Amino acid sequence: MTSWQLVRLIAGSFILLSLALGIPGSPIFVSQWWLAFTAFVGANLLQSALTRWCLMETIVRKLGAREGS
């Protein structure tokens, strides 16, 4: 997988997990504060779209993922 694919995989996983932990009807509900993490991930996706720079992609590349085109 390329770095941009991994970033989207990680972001999607974070969003789904934080929704499952933050929505009261979920069987694995912990606290509604998990929804703040969902907003944080969404804000980072928006920021990376506007600036063309993503910290998660930088981290994934340093861990050895190949750069995507």
Protein backbone atom coordinates (compact mmCIF):
# COMPACT_ATOMS: atom_id res chain seq x y z
CA MET A 1 0.00 0.00 0.00
CA THR A 2 1.12 3.53 -0.64
CA SER A 3 1.36 6.18 2.05
CA TRP A 4 -1.82 8.00 0.99
CA GLN A 5 -3.78 4.74 1.01
CA LEU A 6 -2.53 3.95 4.52
CA VAL A 7 -3.47 7.43 5.74
CA ARG A 8 -7.02 6.98 4.50
CA LEU A 9 -7.20 3.49 6.00
CA ILE A 10 -6.00 4.78 9.38
CA ALA A 11 -8.29 7.84 9.31
CA GLY A 12 -11.33 5.74 8.39
CA SER A 13 -10.54 3.23 11.11
CA PHE A 14 -10.09 5.99 13.71
CA ILE A 15 -13.40 7.58 12.74
CA LEU A 16 -15.37 4.34 12.86
CA LEU A 17 -13.80 3.27 16.14
CA SER A 18 -14.34 6.65 17.81
CA LEU A 19 -17.97 6.70 16.64
CA ALA A 20 -18.49 3.21 18.07
CA LEU A 21 -16.97 4.34 21.38
CA GLY A 22 -18.86 7.65 21.46
CA ILE A 23 -22.43 6.90 20.38
CA PRO A 24 -24.63 5.88 23.35
CA GLY A 25 -26.50 3.19 21.40
CA SER A 26 -23.28 1.34 20.52
CA PRO A 27 -22.53 -1.96 22.26
CA ILE A 28 -18.99 -0.74 23.02
CA PHE A 29 -19.99 2.77 24.17
CA VAL A 30 -17.53 4.36 26.60
CA SER A 31 -18.09 8.12 26.60
CA GLN A 32 -19.49 10.79 24.31
CA TRP A 33 -16.10 12.53 24.53
CA TRP A 34 -14.88 10.05 21.89
CA LEU A 35 -16.86 12.14 19.40
CA ALA A 36 -14.29 14.91 19.94
CA PHE A 37 -11.68 12.53 18.51
CA THR A 38 -13.92 12.02 15.48
CA ALA A 39 -14.01 15.80 15.00
CA PHE A 40 -10.21 15.99 15.42
CA VAL A 41 -9.62 13.42 12.68
CA GLY A 42 -12.09 15.19 10.40
CA ALA A 43 -10.39 18.54 11.02
CA ASN A 44 -7.02 17.01 10.18
CA LEU A 45 -8.40 15.59 6.93
CA LEU A 46 -9.76 19.02 6.03
CA GLN A 47 -6.45 20.70 6.90
CA SER A 48 -4.46 18.21 4.81
CA ALA A 49 -6.74 18.78 1.83
CA LEU A 50 -6.24 22.55 2.02
CA THR A 51 -2.49 22.60 2.73
CA ARG A 52 -1.43 19.44 0.88
CA TRP A 53 0.53 18.36 3.98
CA CYS A 54 -0.46 15.58 6.37
CA LEU A 55 1.44 14.67 9.54
CA MET A 56 0.11 11.10 9.45
CA GLU A 57 1.46 10.64 5.91
CA THR A 58 4.87 11.89 7.04
CA ILE A 59 4.83 9.40 9.92
CA VAL A 60 3.72 6.52 7.69
CA ARG A 61 6.51 7.30 5.18
CA LYS A 62 9.10 7.33 7.96
CA LEU A 63 7.82 3.90 9.00
CA GLY A 64 8.64 2.60 5.54
CA ALA A 65 5.55 3.01 3.35
CA ARG A 66 6.28 3.92 -0.22
CA GLU A 67 5.20 7.29 -1.52
CA GLY A 68 2.04 7.25 -3.58
CA SER A 69 1.48 9.17 -6.77
